[in-house]
Amino acid sequence: DSSGLVAALQRLATNAERLFNIECKL
């Protein structure tokens, strides 16, 4: 959809911070 990549990257950043305990910034 129109926000597919942005939404996927936001989830990626959130999961990376939660799983790896790092700062992941878009």
mmCIF file of all heavy atoms, coordinates in Angstrom:
data_MODEL
# 
_entry.id   MODEL 
# 
loop_
_atom_site.group_PDB 
_atom_site.id 
_atom_site.type_symbol 
_atom_site.label_atom_id 
_atom_site.label_alt_id 
_atom_site.label_comp_id 
_atom_site.label_asym_id 
_atom_site.label_entity_id 
_atom_site.label_seq_id 
_atom_site.pdbx_PDB_ins_code 
_atom_site.Cartn_x 
_atom_site.Cartn_y 
_atom_site.Cartn_z 
_atom_site.occupancy 
_atom_site.B_iso_or_equiv 
_atom_site.pdbx_formal_charge 
_atom_site.auth_seq_id 
_atom_site.auth_comp_id 
_atom_site.auth_asym_id 
_atom_site.auth_atom_id 
_atom_site.pdbx_PDB_model_num 
ATOM 1   N N   . ASP A 1 1  ? 0.852  -1.188 0.000  1.00 0.00 ? 1  ASP A N   1 
ATOM 2   C CA  . ASP A 1 1  ? 0.000  0.000  0.000  1.00 0.00 ? 1  ASP A CA  1 
ATOM 3   C C   . ASP A 1 1  ? 0.889  1.240  0.000  1.00 0.00 ? 1  ASP A C   1 
ATOM 4   O O   . ASP A 1 1  ? 2.106  1.154  -0.113 1.00 0.00 ? 1  ASP A O   1 
ATOM 5   C CB  . ASP A 1 1  ? -0.963 -0.009 1.188  1.00 0.00 ? 1  ASP A CB  1 
ATOM 6   C CG  . ASP A 1 1  ? -0.245 -0.078 2.533  1.00 0.00 ? 1  ASP A CG  1 
ATOM 7   O OD1 . ASP A 1 1  ? 0.910  0.399  2.601  1.00 0.00 ? 1  ASP A OD1 1 
ATOM 8   O OD2 . ASP A 1 1  ? -0.832 -0.582 3.503  1.00 0.00 ? 1  ASP A OD2 1 
ATOM 9   N N   . SER A 1 2  ? 0.283  2.417  0.171  1.00 0.00 ? 2  SER A N   1 
ATOM 10  C CA  . SER A 1 2  ? 1.028  3.670  0.031  1.00 0.00 ? 2  SER A CA  1 
ATOM 11  C C   . SER A 1 2  ? 2.058  3.888  1.117  1.00 0.00 ? 2  SER A C   1 
ATOM 12  O O   . SER A 1 2  ? 2.970  4.688  0.963  1.00 0.00 ? 2  SER A O   1 
ATOM 13  C CB  . SER A 1 2  ? 0.049  4.849  0.004  1.00 0.00 ? 2  SER A CB  1 
ATOM 14  O OG  . SER A 1 2  ? -0.699 4.892  1.208  1.00 0.00 ? 2  SER A OG  1 
ATOM 15  N N   . SER A 1 3  ? 1.948  3.208  2.237  1.00 0.00 ? 3  SER A N   1 
ATOM 16  C CA  . SER A 1 3  ? 2.899  3.406  3.337  1.00 0.00 ? 3  SER A CA  1 
ATOM 17  C C   . SER A 1 3  ? 3.632  2.118  3.684  1.00 0.00 ? 3  SER A C   1 
ATOM 18  O O   . SER A 1 3  ? 4.152  1.982  4.784  1.00 0.00 ? 3  SER A O   1 
ATOM 19  C CB  . SER A 1 3  ? 2.165  3.953  4.572  1.00 0.00 ? 3  SER A CB  1 
ATOM 20  O OG  . SER A 1 3  ? 1.195  3.021  5.015  1.00 0.00 ? 3  SER A OG  1 
ATOM 21  N N   . GLY A 1 4  ? 3.686  1.170  2.738  1.00 0.00 ? 4  GLY A N   1 
ATOM 22  C CA  . GLY A 1 4  ? 4.234  -0.151 3.028  1.00 0.00 ? 4  GLY A CA  1 
ATOM 23  C C   . GLY A 1 4  ? 5.660  -0.135 3.524  1.00 0.00 ? 4  GLY A C   1 
ATOM 24  O O   . GLY A 1 4  ? 5.961  -0.686 4.587  1.00 0.00 ? 4  GLY A O   1 
ATOM 25  N N   . LEU A 1 5  ? 6.593  0.510  2.788  1.00 0.00 ? 5  LEU A N   1 
ATOM 26  C CA  . LEU A 1 5  ? 8.004  0.483  3.163  1.00 0.00 ? 5  LEU A CA  1 
ATOM 27  C C   . LEU A 1 5  ? 8.248  1.258  4.451  1.00 0.00 ? 5  LEU A C   1 
ATOM 28  O O   . LEU A 1 5  ? 8.986  0.807  5.324  1.00 0.00 ? 5  LEU A O   1 
ATOM 29  C CB  . LEU A 1 5  ? 8.858  1.056  2.035  1.00 0.00 ? 5  LEU A CB  1 
ATOM 30  C CG  . LEU A 1 5  ? 10.364 1.027  2.282  1.00 0.00 ? 5  LEU A CG  1 
ATOM 31  C CD1 . LEU A 1 5  ? 10.857 -0.405 2.489  1.00 0.00 ? 5  LEU A CD1 1 
ATOM 32  C CD2 . LEU A 1 5  ? 11.120 1.694  1.147  1.00 0.00 ? 5  LEU A CD2 1 
ATOM 33  N N   . VAL A 1 6  ? 7.619  2.421  4.591  1.00 0.00 ? 6  VAL A N   1 
ATOM 34  C CA  . VAL A 1 6  ? 7.810  3.220  5.797  1.00 0.00 ? 6  VAL A CA  1 
ATOM 35  C C   . VAL A 1 6  ? 7.326  2.453  7.023  1.00 0.00 ? 6  VAL A C   1 
ATOM 36  O O   . VAL A 1 6  ? 8.014  2.402  8.054  1.00 0.00 ? 6  VAL A O   1 
ATOM 37  C CB  . VAL A 1 6  ? 7.082  4.575  5.681  1.00 0.00 ? 6  VAL A CB  1 
ATOM 38  C CG1 . VAL A 1 6  ? 7.114  5.307  7.014  1.00 0.00 ? 6  VAL A CG1 1 
ATOM 39  C CG2 . VAL A 1 6  ? 7.711  5.425  4.600  1.00 0.00 ? 6  VAL A CG2 1 
ATOM 40  N N   . ALA A 1 7  ? 6.161  1.846  6.915  1.00 0.00 ? 7  ALA A N   1 
ATOM 41  C CA  . ALA A 1 7  ? 5.621  1.086  8.041  1.00 0.00 ? 7  ALA A CA  1 
ATOM 42  C C   . ALA A 1 7  ? 6.529  -0.084 8.399  1.00 0.00 ? 7  ALA A C   1 
ATOM 43  O O   . ALA A 1 7  ? 6.780  -0.368 9.575  1.00 0.00 ? 7  ALA A O   1 
ATOM 44  C CB  . ALA A 1 7  ? 4.218  0.594  7.706  1.00 0.00 ? 7  ALA A CB  1 
ATOM 45  N N   . ALA A 1 8  ? 7.051  -0.769 7.368  1.00 0.00 ? 8  ALA A N   1 
ATOM 46  C CA  . ALA A 1 8  ? 7.928  -1.917 7.615  1.00 0.00 ? 8  ALA A CA  1 
ATOM 47  C C   . ALA A 1 8  ? 9.234  -1.483 8.286  1.00 0.00 ? 8  ALA A C   1 
ATOM 48  O O   . ALA A 1 8  ? 9.731  -2.142 9.210  1.00 0.00 ? 8  ALA A O   1 
ATOM 49  C CB  . ALA A 1 8  ? 8.224  -2.636 6.309  1.00 0.00 ? 8  ALA A CB  1 
ATOM 50  N N   . LEU A 1 9  ? 9.791  -0.351 7.840  1.00 0.00 ? 9  LEU A N   1 
ATOM 51  C CA  . LEU A 1 9  ? 11.032 0.147  8.446  1.00 0.00 ? 9  LEU A CA  1 
ATOM 52  C C   . LEU A 1 9  ? 10.809 0.624  9.879  1.00 0.00 ? 9  LEU A C   1 
ATOM 53  O O   . LEU A 1 9  ? 11.683 0.477  10.738 1.00 0.00 ? 9  LEU A O   1 
ATOM 54  C CB  . LEU A 1 9  ? 11.614 1.273  7.595  1.00 0.00 ? 9  LEU A CB  1 
ATOM 55  C CG  . LEU A 1 9  ? 12.157 0.869  6.218  1.00 0.00 ? 9  LEU A CG  1 
ATOM 56  C CD1 . LEU A 1 9  ? 12.635 2.088  5.435  1.00 0.00 ? 9  LEU A CD1 1 
ATOM 57  C CD2 . LEU A 1 9  ? 13.298 -0.138 6.352  1.00 0.00 ? 9  LEU A CD2 1 
ATOM 58  N N   . GLN A 1 10 ? 9.650  1.214  10.141 1.00 0.00 ? 10 GLN A N   1 
ATOM 59  C CA  . GLN A 1 10 ? 9.344  1.627  11.513 1.00 0.00 ? 10 GLN A CA  1 
ATOM 60  C C   . GLN A 1 10 ? 9.271  0.423  12.446 1.00 0.00 ? 10 GLN A C   1 
ATOM 61  O O   . GLN A 1 10 ? 9.777  0.464  13.571 1.00 0.00 ? 10 GLN A O   1 
ATOM 62  C CB  . GLN A 1 10 ? 8.029  2.421  11.530 1.00 0.00 ? 10 GLN A CB  1 
ATOM 63  C CG  . GLN A 1 10 ? 8.159  3.814  10.940 1.00 0.00 ? 10 GLN A CG  1 
ATOM 64  C CD  . GLN A 1 10 ? 6.828  4.514  10.769 1.00 0.00 ? 10 GLN A CD  1 
ATOM 65  O OE1 . GLN A 1 10 ? 5.760  3.879  10.784 1.00 0.00 ? 10 GLN A OE1 1 
ATOM 66  N NE2 . GLN A 1 10 ? 6.872  5.832  10.578 1.00 0.00 ? 10 GLN A NE2 1 
ATOM 67  N N   . ARG A 1 11 ? 8.635  -0.654 11.964 1.00 0.00 ? 11 ARG A N   1 
ATOM 68  C CA  . ARG A 1 11 ? 8.599  -1.879 12.771 1.00 0.00 ? 11 ARG A CA  1 
ATOM 69  C C   . ARG A 1 11 ? 10.001 -2.443 12.955 1.00 0.00 ? 11 ARG A C   1 
ATOM 70  O O   . ARG A 1 11 ? 10.341 -2.925 14.038 1.00 0.00 ? 11 ARG A O   1 
ATOM 71  C CB  . ARG A 1 11 ? 7.696  -2.927 12.099 1.00 0.00 ? 11 ARG A CB  1 
ATOM 72  C CG  . ARG A 1 11 ? 6.226  -2.696 12.260 1.00 0.00 ? 11 ARG A CG  1 
ATOM 73  C CD  . ARG A 1 11 ? 5.428  -3.972 11.988 1.00 0.00 ? 11 ARG A CD  1 
ATOM 74  N NE  . ARG A 1 11 ? 5.751  -4.548 10.702 1.00 0.00 ? 11 ARG A NE  1 
ATOM 75  C CZ  . ARG A 1 11 ? 5.138  -4.222 9.568  1.00 0.00 ? 11 ARG A CZ  1 
ATOM 76  N NH1 . ARG A 1 11 ? 4.173  -3.312 9.576  1.00 0.00 ? 11 ARG A NH1 1 
ATOM 77  N NH2 . ARG A 1 11 ? 5.480  -4.783 8.426  1.00 0.00 ? 11 ARG A NH2 1 
ATOM 78  N N   . LEU A 1 12 ? 10.807 -2.388 11.879 1.00 0.00 ? 12 LEU A N   1 
ATOM 79  C CA  . LEU A 1 12 ? 12.181 -2.873 11.952 1.00 0.00 ? 12 LEU A CA  1 
ATOM 80  C C   . LEU A 1 12 ? 12.964 -2.122 13.024 1.00 0.00 ? 12 LEU A C   1 
ATOM 81  O O   . LEU A 1 12 ? 13.677 -2.723 13.840 1.00 0.00 ? 12 LEU A O   1 
ATOM 82  C CB  . LEU A 1 12 ? 12.857 -2.719 10.592 1.00 0.00 ? 12 LEU A CB  1 
ATOM 83  C CG  . LEU A 1 12 ? 14.368 -2.978 10.539 1.00 0.00 ? 12 LEU A CG  1 
ATOM 84  C CD1 . LEU A 1 12 ? 14.667 -4.437 10.848 1.00 0.00 ? 12 LEU A CD1 1 
ATOM 85  C CD2 . LEU A 1 12 ? 14.945 -2.591 9.182  1.00 0.00 ? 12 LEU A CD2 1 
ATOM 86  N N   . ALA A 1 13 ? 12.850 -0.785 13.021 1.00 0.00 ? 13 ALA A N   1 
ATOM 87  C CA  . ALA A 1 13 ? 13.574 0.023  14.008 1.00 0.00 ? 13 ALA A CA  1 
ATOM 88  C C   . ALA A 1 13 ? 13.109 -0.281 15.421 1.00 0.00 ? 13 ALA A C   1 
ATOM 89  O O   . ALA A 1 13 ? 13.928 -0.421 16.348 1.00 0.00 ? 13 ALA A O   1 
ATOM 90  C CB  . ALA A 1 13 ? 13.391 1.504  13.680 1.00 0.00 ? 13 ALA A CB  1 
ATOM 91  N N   . THR A 1 14 ? 11.817 -0.408 15.592 1.00 0.00 ? 14 THR A N   1 
ATOM 92  C CA  . THR A 1 14 ? 11.270 -0.703 16.923 1.00 0.00 ? 14 THR A CA  1 
ATOM 93  C C   . THR A 1 14 ? 11.742 -2.065 17.421 1.00 0.00 ? 14 THR A C   1 
ATOM 94  O O   . THR A 1 14 ? 12.182 -2.216 18.578 1.00 0.00 ? 14 THR A O   1 
ATOM 95  C CB  . THR A 1 14 ? 9.729  -0.668 16.877 1.00 0.00 ? 14 THR A CB  1 
ATOM 96  O OG1 . THR A 1 14 ? 9.298  0.632  16.462 1.00 0.00 ? 14 THR A OG1 1 
ATOM 97  C CG2 . THR A 1 14 ? 9.142  -0.982 18.253 1.00 0.00 ? 14 THR A CG2 1 
ATOM 98  N N   . ASN A 1 15 ? 11.674 -3.069 16.553 1.00 0.00 ? 15 ASN A N   1 
ATOM 99  C CA  . ASN A 1 15 ? 12.111 -4.421 16.938 1.00 0.00 ? 15 ASN A CA  1 
ATOM 100 C C   . ASN A 1 15 ? 13.611 -4.467 17.212 1.00 0.00 ? 15 ASN A C   1 
ATOM 101 O O   . ASN A 1 15 ? 14.058 -5.171 18.133 1.00 0.00 ? 15 ASN A O   1 
ATOM 102 C CB  . ASN A 1 15 ? 11.749 -5.423 15.850 1.00 0.00 ? 15 ASN A CB  1 
ATOM 103 C CG  . ASN A 1 15 ? 10.255 -5.660 15.750 1.00 0.00 ? 15 ASN A CG  1 
ATOM 104 O OD1 . ASN A 1 15 ? 9.525  -5.459 16.727 1.00 0.00 ? 15 ASN A OD1 1 
ATOM 105 N ND2 . ASN A 1 15 ? 9.785  -6.073 14.576 1.00 0.00 ? 15 ASN A ND2 1 
ATOM 106 N N   . ALA A 1 16 ? 14.402 -3.723 16.435 1.00 0.00 ? 16 ALA A N   1 
ATOM 107 C CA  . ALA A 1 16 ? 15.846 -3.709 16.645 1.00 0.00 ? 16 ALA A CA  1 
ATOM 108 C C   . ALA A 1 16 ? 16.189 -3.113 18.006 1.00 0.00 ? 16 ALA A C   1 
ATOM 109 O O   . ALA A 1 16 ? 17.062 -3.621 18.723 1.00 0.00 ? 16 ALA A O   1 
ATOM 110 C CB  . ALA A 1 16 ? 16.535 -2.909 15.537 1.00 0.00 ? 16 ALA A CB  1 
ATOM 111 N N   . GLU A 1 17 ? 15.514 -2.037 18.379 1.00 0.00 ? 17 GLU A N   1 
ATOM 112 C CA  . GLU A 1 17 ? 15.773 -1.425 19.692 1.00 0.00 ? 17 GLU A CA  1 
ATOM 113 C C   . GLU A 1 17 ? 15.367 -2.355 20.823 1.00 0.00 ? 17 GLU A C   1 
ATOM 114 O O   . GLU A 1 17 ? 16.050 -2.455 21.850 1.00 0.00 ? 17 GLU A O   1 
ATOM 115 C CB  . GLU A 1 17 ? 15.024 -0.089 19.782 1.00 0.00 ? 17 GLU A CB  1 
ATOM 116 C CG  . GLU A 1 17 ? 15.606 0.993  18.870 1.00 0.00 ? 17 GLU A CG  1 
ATOM 117 C CD  . GLU A 1 17 ? 14.923 2.333  19.057 1.00 0.00 ? 17 GLU A CD  1 
ATOM 118 O OE1 . GLU A 1 17 ? 13.770 2.351  19.549 1.00 0.00 ? 17 GLU A OE1 1 
ATOM 119 O OE2 . GLU A 1 17 ? 15.546 3.370  18.717 1.00 0.00 ? 17 GLU A OE2 1 
ATOM 120 N N   . ARG A 1 18 ? 14.249 -3.061 20.614 1.00 0.00 ? 18 ARG A N   1 
ATOM 121 C CA  . ARG A 1 18 ? 13.756 -3.958 21.670 1.00 0.00 ? 18 ARG A CA  1 
ATOM 122 C C   . ARG A 1 18 ? 14.600 -5.226 21.790 1.00 0.00 ? 18 ARG A C   1 
ATOM 123 O O   . ARG A 1 18 ? 14.957 -5.647 22.891 1.00 0.00 ? 18 ARG A O   1 
ATOM 124 C CB  . ARG A 1 18 ? 12.291 -4.322 21.385 1.00 0.00 ? 18 ARG A CB  1 
ATOM 125 C CG  . ARG A 1 18 ? 11.681 -5.289 22.397 1.00 0.00 ? 18 ARG A CG  1 
ATOM 126 C CD  . ARG A 1 18 ? 10.188 -5.436 22.132 1.00 0.00 ? 18 ARG A CD  1 
ATOM 127 N NE  . ARG A 1 18 ? 9.913  -5.870 20.774 1.00 0.00 ? 18 ARG A NE  1 
ATOM 128 C CZ  . ARG A 1 18 ? 9.901  -7.147 20.387 1.00 0.00 ? 18 ARG A CZ  1 
ATOM 129 N NH1 . ARG A 1 18 ? 10.188 -8.114 21.267 1.00 0.00 ? 18 ARG A NH1 1 
ATOM 130 N NH2 . ARG A 1 18 ? 9.636  -7.477 19.147 1.00 0.00 ? 18 ARG A NH2 1 
ATOM 131 N N   . LEU A 1 19 ? 14.976 -5.812 20.642 1.00 0.00 ? 19 LEU A N   1 
ATOM 132 C CA  . LEU A 1 19 ? 15.694 -7.092 20.665 1.00 0.00 ? 19 LEU A CA  1 
ATOM 133 C C   . LEU A 1 19 ? 17.191 -6.915 20.916 1.00 0.00 ? 19 LEU A C   1 
ATOM 134 O O   . LEU A 1 19 ? 17.806 -7.713 21.628 1.00 0.00 ? 19 LEU A O   1 
ATOM 135 C CB  . LEU A 1 19 ? 15.480 -7.828 19.339 1.00 0.00 ? 19 LEU A CB  1 
ATOM 136 C CG  . LEU A 1 19 ? 14.043 -8.277 19.033 1.00 0.00 ? 19 LEU A CG  1 
ATOM 137 C CD1 . LEU A 1 19 ? 13.971 -8.849 17.626 1.00 0.00 ? 19 LEU A CD1 1 
ATOM 138 C CD2 . LEU A 1 19 ? 13.568 -9.298 20.059 1.00 0.00 ? 19 LEU A CD2 1 
ATOM 139 N N   . PHE A 1 20 ? 17.799 -5.877 20.314 1.00 0.00 ? 20 PHE A N   1 
ATOM 140 C CA  . PHE A 1 20 ? 19.258 -5.707 20.393 1.00 0.00 ? 20 PHE A CA  1 
ATOM 141 C C   . PHE A 1 20 ? 19.704 -4.690 21.439 1.00 0.00 ? 20 PHE A C   1 
ATOM 142 O O   . PHE A 1 20 ? 20.898 -4.527 21.684 1.00 0.00 ? 20 PHE A O   1 
ATOM 143 C CB  . PHE A 1 20 ? 19.815 -5.284 19.024 1.00 0.00 ? 20 PHE A CB  1 
ATOM 144 C CG  . PHE A 1 20 ? 19.549 -6.263 17.913 1.00 0.00 ? 20 PHE A CG  1 
ATOM 145 C CD1 . PHE A 1 20 ? 19.107 -5.825 16.672 1.00 0.00 ? 20 PHE A CD1 1 
ATOM 146 C CD2 . PHE A 1 20 ? 19.725 -7.627 18.115 1.00 0.00 ? 20 PHE A CD2 1 
ATOM 147 C CE1 . PHE A 1 20 ? 18.863 -6.720 15.641 1.00 0.00 ? 20 PHE A CE1 1 
ATOM 148 C CE2 . PHE A 1 20 ? 19.479 -8.527 17.091 1.00 0.00 ? 20 PHE A CE2 1 
ATOM 149 C CZ  . PHE A 1 20 ? 19.049 -8.083 15.848 1.00 0.00 ? 20 PHE A CZ  1 
ATOM 150 N N   . ASN A 1 21 ? 18.722 -3.965 22.008 1.00 0.00 ? 21 ASN A N   1 
ATOM 151 C CA  . ASN A 1 21 ? 19.037 -2.946 23.008 1.00 0.00 ? 21 ASN A CA  1 
ATOM 152 C C   . ASN A 1 21 ? 19.974 -1.883 22.431 1.00 0.00 ? 21 ASN A C   1 
ATOM 153 O O   . ASN A 1 21 ? 21.010 -1.526 23.001 1.00 0.00 ? 21 ASN A O   1 
ATOM 154 C CB  . ASN A 1 21 ? 19.657 -3.570 24.261 1.00 0.00 ? 21 ASN A CB  1 
ATOM 155 C CG  . ASN A 1 21 ? 19.716 -2.590 25.426 1.00 0.00 ? 21 ASN A CG  1 
ATOM 156 O OD1 . ASN A 1 21 ? 18.884 -1.689 25.526 1.00 0.00 ? 21 ASN A OD1 1 
ATOM 157 N ND2 . ASN A 1 21 ? 20.697 -2.764 26.295 1.00 0.00 ? 21 ASN A ND2 1 
ATOM 158 N N   . ILE A 1 22 ? 19.635 -1.363 21.245 1.00 0.00 ? 22 ILE A N   1 
ATOM 159 C CA  . ILE A 1 22 ? 20.419 -0.326 20.575 1.00 0.00 ? 22 ILE A CA  1 
ATOM 160 C C   . ILE A 1 22 ? 19.508 0.851  20.242 1.00 0.00 ? 22 ILE A C   1 
ATOM 161 O O   . ILE A 1 22 ? 18.277 0.768  20.411 1.00 0.00 ? 22 ILE A O   1 
ATOM 162 C CB  . ILE A 1 22 ? 21.062 -0.841 19.272 1.00 0.00 ? 22 ILE A CB  1 
ATOM 163 C CG1 . ILE A 1 22 ? 19.970 -1.221 18.255 1.00 0.00 ? 22 ILE A CG1 1 
ATOM 164 C CG2 . ILE A 1 22 ? 22.007 -2.001 19.542 1.00 0.00 ? 22 ILE A CG2 1 
ATOM 165 C CD1 . ILE A 1 22 ? 20.488 -1.460 16.856 1.00 0.00 ? 22 ILE A CD1 1 
ATOM 166 N N   . GLU A 1 23 ? 20.109 1.916  19.758 1.00 0.00 ? 23 GLU A N   1 
ATOM 167 C CA  . GLU A 1 23 ? 19.347 3.038  19.218 1.00 0.00 ? 23 GLU A CA  1 
ATOM 168 C C   . GLU A 1 23 ? 19.283 2.888  17.705 1.00 0.00 ? 23 GLU A C   1 
ATOM 169 O O   . GLU A 1 23 ? 20.312 2.876  17.025 1.00 0.00 ? 23 GLU A O   1 
ATOM 170 C CB  . GLU A 1 23 ? 20.028 4.365  19.564 1.00 0.00 ? 23 GLU A CB  1 
ATOM 171 C CG  . GLU A 1 23 ? 19.309 5.573  18.990 1.00 0.00 ? 23 GLU A CG  1 
ATOM 172 C CD  . GLU A 1 23 ? 20.065 6.872  19.215 1.00 0.00 ? 23 GLU A CD  1 
ATOM 173 O OE1 . GLU A 1 23 ? 20.968 6.891  20.076 1.00 0.00 ? 23 GLU A OE1 1 
ATOM 174 O OE2 . GLU A 1 23 ? 19.757 7.858  18.507 1.00 0.00 ? 23 GLU A OE2 1 
ATOM 175 N N   . CYS A 1 24 ? 18.094 2.753  17.174 1.00 0.00 ? 24 CYS A N   1 
ATOM 176 C CA  . CYS A 1 24 ? 17.894 2.590  15.724 1.00 0.00 ? 24 CYS A CA  1 
ATOM 177 C C   . CYS A 1 24 ? 17.001 3.734  15.251 1.00 0.00 ? 24 CYS A C   1 
ATOM 178 O O   . CYS A 1 24 ? 15.830 3.818  15.607 1.00 0.00 ? 24 CYS A O   1 
ATOM 179 C CB  . CYS A 1 24 ? 17.255 1.241  15.411 1.00 0.00 ? 24 CYS A CB  1 
ATOM 180 S SG  . CYS A 1 24 ? 17.183 0.858  13.640 1.00 0.00 ? 24 CYS A SG  1 
ATOM 181 N N   . LYS A 1 25 ? 17.569 4.618  14.444 1.00 0.00 ? 25 LYS A N   1 
ATOM 182 C CA  . LYS A 1 25 ? 16.901 5.861  14.066 1.00 0.00 ? 25 LYS A CA  1 
ATOM 183 C C   . LYS A 1 25 ? 16.616 5.893  12.567 1.00 0.00 ? 25 LYS A C   1 
ATOM 184 O O   . LYS A 1 25 ? 17.467 5.565  11.750 1.00 0.00 ? 25 LYS A O   1 
ATOM 185 C CB  . LYS A 1 25 ? 17.791 7.042  14.451 1.00 0.00 ? 25 LYS A CB  1 
ATOM 186 C CG  . LYS A 1 25 ? 17.209 8.405  14.110 1.00 0.00 ? 25 LYS A CG  1 
ATOM 187 C CD  . LYS A 1 25 ? 18.191 9.500  14.518 1.00 0.00 ? 25 LYS A CD  1 
ATOM 188 C CE  . LYS A 1 25 ? 17.647 10.873 14.147 1.00 0.00 ? 25 LYS A CE  1 
ATOM 189 N NZ  . LYS A 1 25 ? 18.627 11.951 14.485 1.00 0.00 ? 25 LYS A NZ  1 
ATOM 190 N N   . LEU A 1 26 ? 15.383 6.307  12.229 1.00 0.00 ? 26 LEU A N   1 
ATOM 191 C CA  . LEU A 1 26 ? 15.029 6.559  10.839 1.00 0.00 ? 26 LEU A CA  1 
ATOM 192 C C   . LEU A 1 26 ? 15.185 8.051  10.594 1.00 0.00 ? 26 LEU A C   1 
ATOM 193 O O   . LEU A 1 26 ? 14.388 8.857  11.071 1.00 0.00 ? 26 LEU A O   1 
ATOM 194 C CB  . LEU A 1 26 ? 13.589 6.134  10.550 1.00 0.00 ? 26 LEU A CB  1 
ATOM 195 C CG  . LEU A 1 26 ? 13.239 4.658  10.745 1.00 0.00 ? 26 LEU A CG  1 
ATOM 196 C CD1 . LEU A 1 26 ? 11.777 4.425  10.421 1.00 0.00 ? 26 LEU A CD1 1 
ATOM 197 C CD2 . LEU A 1 26 ? 14.115 3.781  9.891  1.00 0.00 ? 26 LEU A CD2 1 
# 
